[in-house]
PDB file of N, CA and C in Angstrom:
ATOM      1  N   MET A   1      20.535   5.699  -8.176  1.00  0.00           N
ATOM      2  CA  MET A   1      19.228   6.215  -8.548  1.00  0.00           C
ATOM      3  C   MET A   1      18.626   6.907  -7.336  1.00  0.00           C
ATOM      4  N   GLY A   2      18.073   8.087  -7.544  1.00  0.00           N
ATOM      5  CA  GLY A   2      17.397   8.795  -6.466  1.00  0.00           C
ATOM      6  C   GLY A   2      16.054   8.170  -6.171  1.00  0.00           C
ATOM      7  N   THR A   3      15.499   8.531  -5.049  1.00  0.00           N
ATOM      8  CA  THR A   3      14.181   8.031  -4.690  1.00  0.00           C
ATOM      9  C   THR A   3      13.160   9.144  -4.868  1.00  0.00           C
ATOM     10  N   PHE A   4      11.916   8.747  -5.069  1.00  0.00           N
ATOM     11  CA  PHE A   4      10.836   9.719  -5.190  1.00  0.00           C
ATOM     12  C   PHE A   4       9.535   9.060  -4.762  1.00  0.00           C
ATOM     13  N   THR A   5       8.530   9.874  -4.531  1.00  0.00           N
ATOM     14  CA  THR A   5       7.236   9.366  -4.107  1.00  0.00           C
ATOM     15  C   THR A   5       6.184   9.657  -5.174  1.00  0.00           C
ATOM     16  N   VAL A   6       5.134   8.853  -5.137  1.00  0.00           N
ATOM     17  CA  VAL A   6       3.959   9.061  -5.971  1.00  0.00           C
ATOM     18  C   VAL A   6       2.734   8.829  -5.097  1.00  0.00           C
ATOM     19  N   THR A   7       1.593   9.285  -5.563  1.00  0.00           N
ATOM     20  CA  THR A   7       0.347   9.039  -4.837  1.00  0.00           C
ATOM     21  C   THR A   7      -0.294   7.767  -5.365  1.00  0.00           C
ATOM     22  N   LEU A   8      -0.522   6.842  -4.468  1.00  0.00           N
ATOM     23  CA  LEU A   8      -1.232   5.597  -4.753  1.00  0.00           C
ATOM     24  C   LEU A   8      -2.554   5.679  -4.017  1.00  0.00           C
ATOM     25  N   ARG A   9      -3.611   5.299  -4.672  1.00  0.00           N
ATOM     26  CA  ARG A   9      -4.912   5.218  -3.983  1.00  0.00           C
ATOM     27  C   ARG A   9      -5.126   3.743  -3.674  1.00  0.00           C
ATOM     28  N   ILE A  10      -5.086   3.423  -2.396  1.00  0.00           N
ATOM     29  CA  ILE A  10      -5.257   2.028  -1.971  1.00  0.00           C
ATOM     30  C   ILE A  10      -6.712   1.834  -1.558  1.00  0.00           C
ATOM     31  N   GLY A  11      -7.293   0.720  -1.984  1.00  0.00           N
ATOM     32  CA  GLY A  11      -8.713   0.516  -1.757  1.00  0.00           C
ATOM     33  C   GLY A  11      -9.036  -0.741  -0.982  1.00  0.00           C
ATOM     34  N   ASP A  12     -10.319  -0.888  -0.731  1.00  0.00           N
ATOM     35  CA  ASP A  12     -10.790  -2.129  -0.133  1.00  0.00           C
ATOM     36  C   ASP A  12     -10.833  -3.201  -1.227  1.00  0.00           C
ATOM     37  N   PRO A  13     -10.961  -4.470  -0.868  1.00  0.00           N
ATOM     38  CA  PRO A  13     -10.947  -5.534  -1.882  1.00  0.00           C
ATOM     39  C   PRO A  13     -12.071  -5.427  -2.919  1.00  0.00           C
ATOM     40  N   GLN A  14     -13.185  -4.802  -2.561  1.00  0.00           N
ATOM     41  CA  GLN A  14     -14.295  -4.658  -3.499  1.00  0.00           C
ATOM     42  C   GLN A  14     -14.126  -3.444  -4.408  1.00  0.00           C
ATOM     43  N   GLY A  15     -13.189  -2.562  -4.092  1.00  0.00           N
ATOM     44  CA  GLY A  15     -12.973  -1.369  -4.892  1.00  0.00           C
ATOM     45  C   GLY A  15     -14.020  -0.297  -4.681  1.00  0.00           C
ATOM     46  N   LEU A  16     -14.629  -0.275  -3.487  1.00  0.00           N
ATOM     47  CA  LEU A  16     -15.668   0.710  -3.194  1.00  0.00           C
ATOM     48  C   LEU A  16     -15.128   1.951  -2.493  1.00  0.00           C
ATOM     49  N   ARG A  17     -14.097   1.777  -1.653  1.00  0.00           N
ATOM     50  CA  ARG A  17     -13.510   2.904  -0.899  1.00  0.00           C
ATOM     51  C   ARG A  17     -12.014   2.940  -1.154  1.00  0.00           C
ATOM     52  N   PHE A  18     -11.484   4.131  -1.347  1.00  0.00           N
ATOM     53  CA  PHE A  18     -10.049   4.306  -1.593  1.00  0.00           C
ATOM     54  C   PHE A  18      -9.495   5.409  -0.707  1.00  0.00           C
ATOM     55  N   GLU A  19      -8.247   5.246  -0.299  1.00  0.00           N
ATOM     56  CA  GLU A  19      -7.529   6.252   0.479  1.00  0.00           C
ATOM     57  C   GLU A  19      -6.255   6.626  -0.281  1.00  0.00           C
ATOM     58  N   PRO A  20      -6.003   7.928  -0.478  1.00  0.00           N
ATOM     59  CA  PRO A  20      -4.729   8.314  -1.098  1.00  0.00           C
ATOM     60  C   PRO A  20      -3.590   8.169  -0.099  1.00  0.00           C
ATOM     61  N   ILE A  21      -2.455   7.688  -0.575  1.00  0.00           N
ATOM     62  CA  ILE A  21      -1.296   7.537   0.297  1.00  0.00           C
ATOM     63  C   ILE A  21      -0.034   7.797  -0.524  1.00  0.00           C
ATOM     64  N   GLU A  22       0.883   8.550   0.056  1.00  0.00           N
ATOM     65  CA  GLU A  22       2.165   8.805  -0.596  1.00  0.00           C
ATOM     66  C   GLU A  22       3.047   7.583  -0.379  1.00  0.00           C
ATOM     67  N   VAL A  23       3.563   7.029  -1.463  1.00  0.00           N
ATOM     68  CA  VAL A  23       4.402   5.831  -1.384  1.00  0.00           C
ATOM     69  C   VAL A  23       5.759   6.114  -2.019  1.00  0.00           C
ATOM     70  N   LEU A  24       6.783   5.574  -1.423  1.00  0.00           N
ATOM     71  CA  LEU A  24       8.130   5.655  -1.962  1.00  0.00           C
ATOM     72  C   LEU A  24       8.272   4.592  -3.035  1.00  0.00           C
ATOM     73  N   VAL A  25       8.657   4.981  -4.236  1.00  0.00           N
ATOM     74  CA  VAL A  25       8.846   4.020  -5.322  1.00  0.00           C
ATOM     75  C   VAL A  25      10.109   3.226  -5.023  1.00  0.00           C
ATOM     76  N   ASP A  26       9.959   1.900  -4.906  1.00  0.00           N
ATOM     77  CA  ASP A  26      11.078   1.038  -4.501  1.00  0.00           C
ATOM     78  C   ASP A  26      11.088  -0.225  -5.349  1.00  0.00           C
ATOM     79  N   THR A  27      11.845  -0.196  -6.455  1.00  0.00           N
ATOM     80  CA  THR A  27      11.904  -1.358  -7.343  1.00  0.00           C
ATOM     81  C   THR A  27      12.618  -2.531  -6.691  1.00  0.00           C
ATOM     82  N   GLY A  28      13.296  -2.305  -5.580  1.00  0.00           N
ATOM     83  CA  GLY A  28      13.950  -3.391  -4.851  1.00  0.00           C
ATOM     84  C   GLY A  28      13.018  -4.115  -3.897  1.00  0.00           C
ATOM     85  N   ALA A  29      11.822  -3.571  -3.686  1.00  0.00           N
ATOM     86  CA  ALA A  29      10.827  -4.211  -2.823  1.00  0.00           C
ATOM     87  C   ALA A  29       9.944  -5.121  -3.676  1.00  0.00           C
ATOM     88  N   SER A  30       9.726  -6.338  -3.210  1.00  0.00           N
ATOM     89  CA  SER A  30       8.885  -7.274  -3.967  1.00  0.00           C
ATOM     90  C   SER A  30       7.451  -6.789  -4.088  1.00  0.00           C
ATOM     91  N   TYR A  31       6.890  -6.332  -2.973  1.00  0.00           N
ATOM     92  CA  TYR A  31       5.477  -5.969  -2.927  1.00  0.00           C
ATOM     93  C   TYR A  31       5.301  -4.559  -2.391  1.00  0.00           C
ATOM     94  N   THR A  32       4.115  -4.027  -2.585  1.00  0.00           N
ATOM     95  CA  THR A  32       3.743  -2.731  -2.040  1.00  0.00           C
ATOM     96  C   THR A  32       3.468  -2.893  -0.550  1.00  0.00           C
ATOM     97  N   GLN A  33       4.030  -1.997   0.246  1.00  0.00           N
ATOM     98  CA  GLN A  33       3.838  -2.036   1.702  1.00  0.00           C
ATOM     99  C   GLN A  33       3.025  -0.823   2.125  1.00  0.00           C
ATOM    100  N   ILE A  34       1.945  -1.093   2.835  1.00  0.00           N
ATOM    101  CA  ILE A  34       1.022  -0.063   3.314  1.00  0.00           C
ATOM    102  C   ILE A  34       0.878  -0.240   4.825  1.00  0.00           C
ATOM    103  N   PRO A  35       0.761   0.853   5.579  1.00  0.00           N
ATOM    104  CA  PRO A  35       0.589   0.694   7.026  1.00  0.00           C
ATOM    105  C   PRO A  35      -0.616  -0.181   7.372  1.00  0.00           C
ATOM    106  N   ARG A  36      -0.421  -1.043   8.341  1.00  0.00           N
ATOM    107  CA  ARG A  36      -1.488  -1.933   8.816  1.00  0.00           C
ATOM    108  C   ARG A  36      -2.740  -1.132   9.155  1.00  0.00           C
ATOM    109  N   SER A  37      -2.564   0.015   9.813  1.00  0.00           N
ATOM    110  CA  SER A  37      -3.723   0.808  10.236  1.00  0.00           C
ATOM    111  C   SER A  37      -4.574   1.242   9.040  1.00  0.00           C
ATOM    112  N   THR A  38      -3.951   1.607   7.931  1.00  0.00           N
ATOM    113  CA  THR A  38      -4.690   2.009   6.724  1.00  0.00           C
ATOM    114  C   THR A  38      -5.438   0.827   6.136  1.00  0.00           C
ATOM    115  N   LEU A  39      -4.752  -0.313   6.023  1.00  0.00           N
ATOM    116  CA  LEU A  39      -5.395  -1.501   5.450  1.00  0.00           C
ATOM    117  C   LEU A  39      -6.552  -1.978   6.323  1.00  0.00           C
ATOM    118  N   GLU A  40      -6.357  -1.986   7.628  1.00  0.00           N
ATOM    119  CA  GLU A  40      -7.438  -2.405   8.527  1.00  0.00           C
ATOM    120  C   GLU A  40      -8.618  -1.447   8.440  1.00  0.00           C
ATOM    121  N   HIS A  41      -8.357  -0.146   8.334  1.00  0.00           N
ATOM    122  CA  HIS A  41      -9.418   0.862   8.193  1.00  0.00           C
ATOM    123  C   HIS A  41     -10.268   0.584   6.947  1.00  0.00           C
ATOM    124  N   LEU A  42      -9.622   0.103   5.884  1.00  0.00           N
ATOM    125  CA  LEU A  42     -10.324  -0.204   4.635  1.00  0.00           C
ATOM    126  C   LEU A  42     -10.974  -1.591   4.640  1.00  0.00           C
ATOM    127  N   GLY A  43     -10.751  -2.364   5.703  1.00  0.00           N
ATOM    128  CA  GLY A  43     -11.343  -3.699   5.781  1.00  0.00           C
ATOM    129  C   GLY A  43     -10.571  -4.766   5.041  1.00  0.00           C
ATOM    130  N   VAL A  44      -9.293  -4.512   4.762  1.00  0.00           N
ATOM    131  CA  VAL A  44      -8.455  -5.498   4.086  1.00  0.00           C
ATOM    132  C   VAL A  44      -8.032  -6.548   5.112  1.00  0.00           C
ATOM    133  N   ILE A  45      -8.227  -7.822   4.777  1.00  0.00           N
ATOM    134  CA  ILE A  45      -7.956  -8.933   5.699  1.00  0.00           C
ATOM    135  C   ILE A  45      -6.760  -9.728   5.195  1.00  0.00           C
ATOM    136  N   PRO A  46      -5.785 -10.003   6.077  1.00  0.00           N
ATOM    137  CA  PRO A  46      -4.614 -10.800   5.661  1.00  0.00           C
ATOM    138  C   PRO A  46      -5.027 -12.177   5.142  1.00  0.00           C
ATOM    139  N   LEU A  47      -4.349 -12.615   4.068  1.00  0.00           N
ATOM    140  CA  LEU A  47      -4.596 -13.936   3.491  1.00  0.00           C
ATOM    141  C   LEU A  47      -3.515 -14.936   3.871  1.00  0.00           C
ATOM    142  N   LEU A  48      -2.298 -14.443   4.029  1.00  0.00           N
ATOM    143  CA  LEU A  48      -1.174 -15.317   4.372  1.00  0.00           C
ATOM    144  C   LEU A  48      -0.082 -14.500   5.035  1.00  0.00           C
ATOM    145  N   ARG A  49       0.889 -15.202   5.554  1.00  0.00           N
ATOM    146  CA  ARG A  49       2.034 -14.578   6.212  1.00  0.00           C
ATOM    147  C   ARG A  49       3.278 -15.065   5.486  1.00  0.00           C
ATOM    148  N   ARG A  50       4.230 -14.154   5.269  1.00  0.00           N
ATOM    149  CA  ARG A  50       5.431 -14.500   4.512  1.00  0.00           C
ATOM    150  C   ARG A  50       6.654 -13.870   5.155  1.00  0.00           C
ATOM    151  N   GLU A  51       7.793 -14.507   4.933  1.00  0.00           N
ATOM    152  CA  GLU A  51       9.053 -13.986   5.452  1.00  0.00           C
ATOM    153  C   GLU A  51       9.687 -13.067   4.421  1.00  0.00           C
ATOM    154  N   PHE A  52      10.283 -11.967   4.901  1.00  0.00           N
ATOM    155  CA  PHE A  52      10.944 -10.981   4.053  1.00  0.00           C
ATOM    156  C   PHE A  52      12.303 -10.638   4.625  1.00  0.00           C
ATOM    157  N   GLU A  53      13.230 -10.304   3.730  1.00  0.00           N
ATOM    158  CA  GLU A  53      14.519  -9.782   4.160  1.00  0.00           C
ATOM    159  C   GLU A  53      14.467  -8.260   4.036  1.00  0.00           C
ATOM    160  N   THR A  54      14.845  -7.562   5.102  1.00  0.00           N
ATOM    161  CA  THR A  54      14.834  -6.105   5.095  1.00  0.00           C
ATOM    162  C   THR A  54      16.127  -5.573   4.477  1.00  0.00           C
ATOM    163  N   ALA A  55      16.156  -4.281   4.199  1.00  0.00           N
ATOM    164  CA  ALA A  55      17.329  -3.652   3.586  1.00  0.00           C
ATOM    165  C   ALA A  55      18.579  -3.811   4.452  1.00  0.00           C
ATOM    166  N   ASP A  56      18.387  -3.914   5.769  1.00  0.00           N
ATOM    167  CA  ASP A  56      19.549  -4.071   6.656  1.00  0.00           C
ATOM    168  C   ASP A  56      19.880  -5.538   6.954  1.00  0.00           C
ATOM    169  N   GLY A  57      19.260  -6.463   6.212  1.00  0.00           N
ATOM    170  CA  GLY A  57      19.597  -7.877   6.317  1.00  0.00           C
ATOM    171  C   GLY A  57      18.809  -8.682   7.337  1.00  0.00           C
ATOM    172  N   ARG A  58      17.921  -8.054   8.087  1.00  0.00           N
ATOM    173  CA  ARG A  58      17.099  -8.792   9.055  1.00  0.00           C
ATOM    174  C   ARG A  58      16.000  -9.570   8.334  1.00  0.00           C
ATOM    175  N   MET A  59      15.557 -10.654   8.941  1.00  0.00           N
ATOM    176  CA  MET A  59      14.424 -11.419   8.430  1.00  0.00           C
ATOM    177  C   MET A  59      13.213 -11.101   9.309  1.00  0.00           C
ATOM    178  N   VAL A  60      12.082 -10.759   8.660  1.00  0.00           N
ATOM    179  CA  VAL A  60      10.852 -10.441   9.381  1.00  0.00           C
ATOM    180  C   VAL A  60       9.689 -11.155   8.714  1.00  0.00           C
ATOM    181  N   GLU A  61       8.640 -11.391   9.467  1.00  0.00           N
ATOM    182  CA  GLU A  61       7.407 -11.952   8.907  1.00  0.00           C
ATOM    183  C   GLU A  61       6.357 -10.862   8.839  1.00  0.00           C
ATOM    184  N   ARG A  62       5.611 -10.851   7.742  1.00  0.00           N
ATOM    185  CA  ARG A  62       4.556  -9.857   7.549  1.00  0.00           C
ATOM    186  C   ARG A  62       3.339 -10.528   6.920  1.00  0.00           C
ATOM    187  N   ASP A  63       2.164  -9.979   7.250  1.00  0.00           N
ATOM    188  CA  ASP A  63       0.921 -10.419   6.627  1.00  0.00           C
ATOM    189  C   ASP A  63       0.830  -9.836   5.219  1.00  0.00           C
ATOM    190  N   ILE A  64       0.146 -10.579   4.336  1.00  0.00           N
ATOM    191  CA  ILE A  64      -0.074 -10.160   2.945  1.00  0.00           C
ATOM    192  C   ILE A  64      -1.557 -10.330   2.621  1.00  0.00           C
ATOM    193  N   ALA A  65      -2.069  -9.437   1.769  1.00  0.00           N
ATOM    194  CA  ALA A  65      -3.454  -9.530   1.308  1.00  0.00           C
ATOM    195  C   ALA A  65      -3.536  -9.081  -0.147  1.00  0.00           C
ATOM    196  N   GLU A  66      -4.681  -9.367  -0.762  1.00  0.00           N
ATOM    197  CA  GLU A  66      -4.999  -8.836  -2.085  1.00  0.00           C
ATOM    198  C   GLU A  66      -6.010  -7.722  -1.897  1.00  0.00           C
ATOM    199  N   THR A  67      -5.800  -6.623  -2.624  1.00  0.00           N
ATOM    200  CA  THR A  67      -6.769  -5.535  -2.577  1.00  0.00           C
ATOM    201  C   THR A  67      -6.646  -4.696  -3.834  1.00  0.00           C
ATOM    202  N   LYS A  68      -7.467  -3.693  -3.954  1.00  0.00           N
ATOM    203  CA  LYS A  68      -7.475  -2.812  -5.125  1.00  0.00           C
ATOM    204  C   LYS A  68      -6.509  -1.648  -4.928  1.00  0.00           C
ATOM    205  N   ALA A  69      -5.957  -1.174  -6.039  1.00  0.00           N
ATOM    206  CA  ALA A  69      -5.098   0.004  -6.042  1.00  0.00           C
ATOM    207  C   ALA A  69      -5.374   0.797  -7.310  1.00  0.00           C
ATOM    208  N   ARG A  70      -5.172   2.109  -7.233  1.00  0.00           N
ATOM    209  CA  ARG A  70      -5.328   2.987  -8.396  1.00  0.00           C
ATOM    210  C   ARG A  70      -4.097   3.869  -8.535  1.00  0.00           C
ATOM    211  N   ILE A  71      -3.651   3.991  -9.776  1.00  0.00           N
ATOM    212  CA  ILE A  71      -2.583   4.925 -10.130  1.00  0.00           C
ATOM    213  C   ILE A  71      -3.026   5.621 -11.399  1.00  0.00           C
ATOM    214  N   ASP A  72      -3.050   6.932 -11.374  1.00  0.00           N
ATOM    215  CA  ASP A  72      -3.417   7.735 -12.557  1.00  0.00           C
ATOM    216  C   ASP A  72      -4.712   7.262 -13.202  1.00  0.00           C
ATOM    217  N   GLY A  73      -5.717   6.966 -12.391  1.00  0.00           N
ATOM    218  CA  GLY A  73      -7.026   6.593 -12.902  1.00  0.00           C
ATOM    219  C   GLY A  73      -7.190   5.140 -13.305  1.00  0.00           C
ATOM    220  N   GLN A  74      -6.106   4.379 -13.334  1.00  0.00           N
ATOM    221  CA  GLN A  74      -6.198   2.954 -13.652  1.00  0.00           C
ATOM    222  C   GLN A  74      -6.336   2.157 -12.355  1.00  0.00           C
ATOM    223  N   GLU A  75      -7.087   1.083 -12.394  1.00  0.00           N
ATOM    224  CA  GLU A  75      -7.317   0.268 -11.205  1.00  0.00           C
ATOM    225  C   GLU A  75      -6.873  -1.168 -11.449  1.00  0.00           C
ATOM    226  N   ARG A  76      -6.207  -1.743 -10.470  1.00  0.00           N
ATOM    227  CA  ARG A  76      -5.756  -3.139 -10.527  1.00  0.00           C
ATOM    228  C   ARG A  76      -5.927  -3.778  -9.158  1.00  0.00           C
ATOM    229  N   THR A  77      -5.984  -5.098  -9.153  1.00  0.00           N
ATOM    230  CA  THR A  77      -5.865  -5.860  -7.913  1.00  0.00           C
ATOM    231  C   THR A  77      -4.391  -6.150  -7.724  1.00  0.00           C
ATOM    232  N   THR A  78      -3.895  -5.987  -6.505  1.00  0.00           N
ATOM    233  CA  THR A  78      -2.485  -6.214  -6.236  1.00  0.00           C
ATOM    234  C   THR A  78      -2.292  -6.834  -4.867  1.00  0.00           C
ATOM    235  N   LEU A  79      -1.112  -7.367  -4.646  1.00  0.00           N
ATOM    236  CA  LEU A  79      -0.738  -7.859  -3.323  1.00  0.00           C
ATOM    237  C   LEU A  79      -0.160  -6.705  -2.524  1.00  0.00           C
ATOM    238  N   VAL A  80      -0.512  -6.646  -1.245  1.00  0.00           N
ATOM    239  CA  VAL A  80       0.029  -5.633  -0.349  1.00  0.00           C
ATOM    240  C   VAL A  80       0.532  -6.298   0.921  1.00  0.00           C
ATOM    241  N   VAL A  81       1.594  -5.726   1.464  1.00  0.00           N
ATOM    242  CA  VAL A  81       2.166  -6.175   2.728  1.00  0.00           C
ATOM    243  C   VAL A  81       1.668  -5.241   3.820  1.00  0.00           C
ATOM    244  N   PHE A  82       1.244  -5.831   4.933  1.00  0.00           N
ATOM    245  CA  PHE A  82       0.847  -5.047   6.097  1.00  0.00           C
ATOM    246  C   PHE A  82       2.113  -4.561   6.783  1.00  0.00           C
ATOM    247  N   GLY A  83       2.414  -3.276   6.634  1.00  0.00           N
ATOM    248  CA  GLY A  83       3.625  -2.714   7.198  1.00  0.00           C
ATOM    249  C   GLY A  83       3.379  -2.082   8.556  1.00  0.00           C
ATOM    250  N   ASP A  84       4.492  -1.746   9.204  1.00  0.00           N
ATOM    251  CA  ASP A  84       4.384  -0.958  10.421  1.00  0.00           C
ATOM    252  C   ASP A  84       4.217   0.493   9.969  1.00  0.00           C
ATOM    253  N   GLU A  85       4.551   1.432  10.779  1.00  0.00           N
ATOM    254  CA  GLU A  85       4.366   2.827  10.396  1.00  0.00           C
ATOM    255  C   GLU A  85       5.585   3.408   9.674  1.00  0.00           C
ATOM    256  N   SER A  86       6.478   2.536   9.169  1.00  0.00           N
ATOM    257  CA  SER A  86       7.606   2.996   8.369  1.00  0.00           C
ATOM    258  C   SER A  86       7.081   3.490   7.023  1.00  0.00           C
ATOM    259  N   PRO A  87       7.940   4.071   6.184  1.00  0.00           N
ATOM    260  CA  PRO A  87       7.441   4.600   4.907  1.00  0.00           C
ATOM    261  C   PRO A  87       6.714   3.540   4.078  1.00  0.00           C
ATOM    262  N   SER A  88       5.636   3.964   3.442  1.00  0.00           N
ATOM    263  CA  SER A  88       4.909   3.094   2.533  1.00  0.00           C
ATOM    264  C   SER A  88       5.714   2.950   1.257  1.00  0.00           C
ATOM    265  N   LEU A  89       5.656   1.777   0.656  1.00  0.00           N
ATOM    266  CA  LEU A  89       6.468   1.472  -0.522  1.00  0.00           C
ATOM    267  C   LEU A  89       5.592   1.019  -1.676  1.00  0.00           C
ATOM    268  N   LEU A  90       5.946   1.423  -2.884  1.00  0.00           N
ATOM    269  CA  LEU A  90       5.344   0.909  -4.109  1.00  0.00           C
ATOM    270  C   LEU A  90       6.341  -0.074  -4.692  1.00  0.00           C
ATOM    271  N   GLY A  91       6.033  -1.365  -4.614  1.00  0.00           N
ATOM    272  CA  GLY A  91       6.971  -2.411  -5.004  1.00  0.00           C
ATOM    273  C   GLY A  91       6.793  -2.915  -6.427  1.00  0.00           C
ATOM    274  N   ALA A  92       7.684  -3.835  -6.797  1.00  0.00           N
ATOM    275  CA  ALA A  92       7.787  -4.346  -8.160  1.00  0.00           C
ATOM    276  C   ALA A  92       6.511  -5.051  -8.642  1.00  0.00           C
ATOM    277  N   TYR A  93       5.871  -5.831  -7.782  1.00  0.00           N
ATOM    278  CA  TYR A  93       4.670  -6.570  -8.179  1.00  0.00           C
ATOM    279  C   TYR A  93       3.583  -5.609  -8.673  1.00  0.00           C
ATOM    280  N   THR A  94       3.364  -4.532  -7.939  1.00  0.00           N
ATOM    281  CA  THR A  94       2.339  -3.561  -8.316  1.00  0.00           C
ATOM    282  C   THR A  94       2.759  -2.792  -9.562  1.00  0.00           C
ATOM    283  N   LEU A  95       4.028  -2.414  -9.645  1.00  0.00           N
ATOM    284  CA  LEU A  95       4.511  -1.728 -10.851  1.00  0.00           C
ATOM    285  C   LEU A  95       4.268  -2.588 -12.086  1.00  0.00           C
ATOM    286  N   GLU A  96       4.571  -3.881 -12.001  1.00  0.00           N
ATOM    287  CA  GLU A  96       4.343  -4.797 -13.128  1.00  0.00           C
ATOM    288  C   GLU A  96       2.864  -4.886 -13.470  1.00  0.00           C
ATOM    289  N   ALA A  97       2.002  -4.945 -12.460  1.00  0.00           N
ATOM    290  CA  ALA A  97       0.566  -5.054 -12.705  1.00  0.00           C
ATOM    291  C   ALA A  97       0.038  -3.857 -13.488  1.00  0.00           C
ATOM    292  N   PHE A  98       0.608  -2.690 -13.235  1.00  0.00           N
ATOM    293  CA  PHE A  98       0.195  -1.475 -13.933  1.00  0.00           C
ATOM    294  C   PHE A  98       0.975  -1.237 -15.225  1.00  0.00           C
ATOM    295  N   GLY A  99       1.958  -2.081 -15.525  1.00  0.00           N
ATOM    296  CA  GLY A  99       2.770  -1.892 -16.721  1.00  0.00           C
ATOM    297  C   GLY A  99       3.609  -0.635 -16.653  1.00  0.00           C
ATOM    298  N   LEU A 100       4.181  -0.378 -15.470  1.00  0.00           N
ATOM    299  CA  LEU A 100       4.955   0.832 -15.243  1.00  0.00           C
ATOM    300  C   LEU A 100       6.410   0.514 -14.923  1.00  0.00           C
ATOM    301  N   ALA A 101       7.281   1.424 -15.302  1.00  0.00           N
ATOM    302  CA  ALA A 101       8.701   1.355 -14.953  1.00  0.00           C
ATOM    303  C   ALA A 101       9.104   2.706 -14.383  1.00  0.00           C
ATOM    304  N   VAL A 102      10.315   2.770 -13.862  1.00  0.00           N
ATOM    305  CA  VAL A 102      10.813   3.986 -13.229  1.00  0.00           C
ATOM    306  C   VAL A 102      11.708   4.754 -14.195  1.00  0.00           C
ATOM    307  N   ASP A 103      11.442   6.036 -14.329  1.00  0.00           N
ATOM    308  CA  ASP A 103      12.335   6.954 -15.029  1.00  0.00           C
ATOM    309  C   ASP A 103      13.104   7.684 -13.929  1.00  0.00           C
ATOM    310  N   PRO A 104      14.340   7.238 -13.627  1.00  0.00           N
ATOM    311  CA  PRO A 104      15.068   7.808 -12.494  1.00  0.00           C
ATOM    312  C   PRO A 104      15.557   9.236 -12.739  1.00  0.00           C
ATOM    313  N   VAL A 105      15.715   9.631 -13.986  1.00  0.00           N
ATOM    314  CA  VAL A 105      16.189  10.982 -14.291  1.00  0.00           C
ATOM    315  C   VAL A 105      15.089  12.007 -14.011  1.00  0.00           C
ATOM    316  N   ARG A 106      13.895  11.717 -14.489  1.00  0.00           N
ATOM    317  CA  ARG A 106      12.776  12.649 -14.305  1.00  0.00           C
ATOM    318  C   ARG A 106      11.954  12.326 -13.057  1.00  0.00           C
ATOM    319  N   GLN A 107      12.341  11.270 -12.360  1.00  0.00           N
ATOM    320  CA  GLN A 107      11.668  10.824 -11.135  1.00  0.00           C
ATOM    321  C   GLN A 107      10.158  10.728 -11.335  1.00  0.00           C
ATOM    322  N   ARG A 108       9.805   9.799 -12.218  1.00  0.00           N
ATOM    323  CA  ARG A 108       8.401   9.562 -12.519  1.00  0.00           C
ATOM    324  C   ARG A 108       8.231   8.124 -12.975  1.00  0.00           C
ATOM    325  N   LEU A 109       6.973   7.696 -13.022  1.00  0.00           N
ATOM    326  CA  LEU A 109       6.636   6.374 -13.537  1.00  0.00           C
ATOM    327  C   LEU A 109       6.263   6.520 -15.000  1.00  0.00           C
ATOM    328  N   ILE A 110       6.709   5.555 -15.814  1.00  0.00           N
ATOM    329  CA  ILE A 110       6.415   5.597 -17.241  1.00  0.00           C
ATOM    330  C   ILE A 110       5.830   4.261 -17.686  1.00  0.00           C
ATOM    331  N   PRO A 111       4.898   4.288 -18.641  1.00  0.00           N
ATOM    332  CA  PRO A 111       4.330   3.036 -19.149  1.00  0.00           C
ATOM    333  C   PRO A 111       5.354   2.296 -20.004  1.00  0.00           C
ATOM    334  N   VAL A 112       5.348   0.984 -19.882  1.00  0.00           N
ATOM    335  CA  VAL A 112       6.230   0.144 -20.688  1.00  0.00           C
ATOM    336  C   VAL A 112       5.411  -1.037 -21.231  1.00  0.00           C
ATOM    337  N   PRO A 113       5.795  -1.538 -22.400  1.00  0.00           N
ATOM    338  CA  PRO A 113       5.073  -2.709 -22.934  1.00  0.00           C
ATOM    339  C   PRO A 113       5.429  -3.951 -22.131  1.00  0.00           C
ATOM    340  N   GLY A 114       4.511  -4.885 -22.100  1.00  0.00           N
ATOM    341  CA  GLY A 114       4.797  -6.173 -21.485  1.00  0.00           C
ATOM    342  C   GLY A 114       5.705  -7.002 -22.369  1.00  0.00           C
ATOM    343  N   LEU A 115       6.308  -7.989 -21.780  1.00  0.00           N
ATOM    344  CA  LEU A 115       7.204  -8.881 -22.531  1.00  0.00           C
ATOM    345  C   LEU A 115       6.613 -10.286 -22.561  1.00  0.00           C
ATOM    346  N   LEU A 116       6.689 -10.930 -23.714  1.00  0.00           N
ATOM    347  CA  LEU A 116       6.228 -12.306 -23.887  1.00  0.00           C
ATOM    348  C   LEU A 116       7.383 -13.181 -24.353  1.00  0.00           C
ATOM    349  N   LEU A 117       7.246 -14.448 -24.132  1.00  0.00           N
ATOM    350  CA  LEU A 117       8.229 -15.421 -24.571  1.00  0.00           C
ATOM    351  C   LEU A 117       8.254 -15.485 -26.089  1.00  0.00           C
ATOM    352  N   LYS A 118       9.417 -15.384 -26.655  1.00  0.00           N
ATOM    353  CA  LYS A 118       9.557 -15.488 -28.103  1.00  0.00           C
ATOM    354  C   LYS A 118       9.807 -16.951 -28.444  1.00  0.00           C
ATOM    355  N   LEU A 119       8.940 -17.527 -29.232  1.00  0.00           N
ATOM    356  CA  LEU A 119       9.084 -18.932 -29.637  1.00  0.00           C
ATOM    357  C   LEU A 119       9.823 -19.006 -30.961  1.00  0.00           C
ATOM    358  N   ALA A 120      10.736 -19.960 -31.063  1.00  0.00           N
ATOM    359  CA  ALA A 120      11.515 -20.116 -32.306  1.00  0.00           C
ATOM    360  C   ALA A 120      10.686 -20.771 -33.386  1.00  0.00           C
TER     361      ALA A 120
END
């Protein structure tokens, strides 16, 4: 599957200020990663620290917070990872929150229905 970017508007926790940022769509990433400098500028404060495995197999610790995000006019609260200045990522948690999936052929995000447990 090829990679592509979309514009995510990342906001402060109150949803009063937003900054547009180009993010690489990465369904293999658990969470959305935004540069620390952008999150700090918006007043986003880390809530916890978690260990992550990188694509090259290294283990790293990163801060995580909850904040607002917008995609195509819709707004949700999501978890974000405080990243270094490497590419920003749109991860699976945020995609699920927005009810979006990846169309790899047309390189775009598409709405999908949620799934519920089927009871016998």
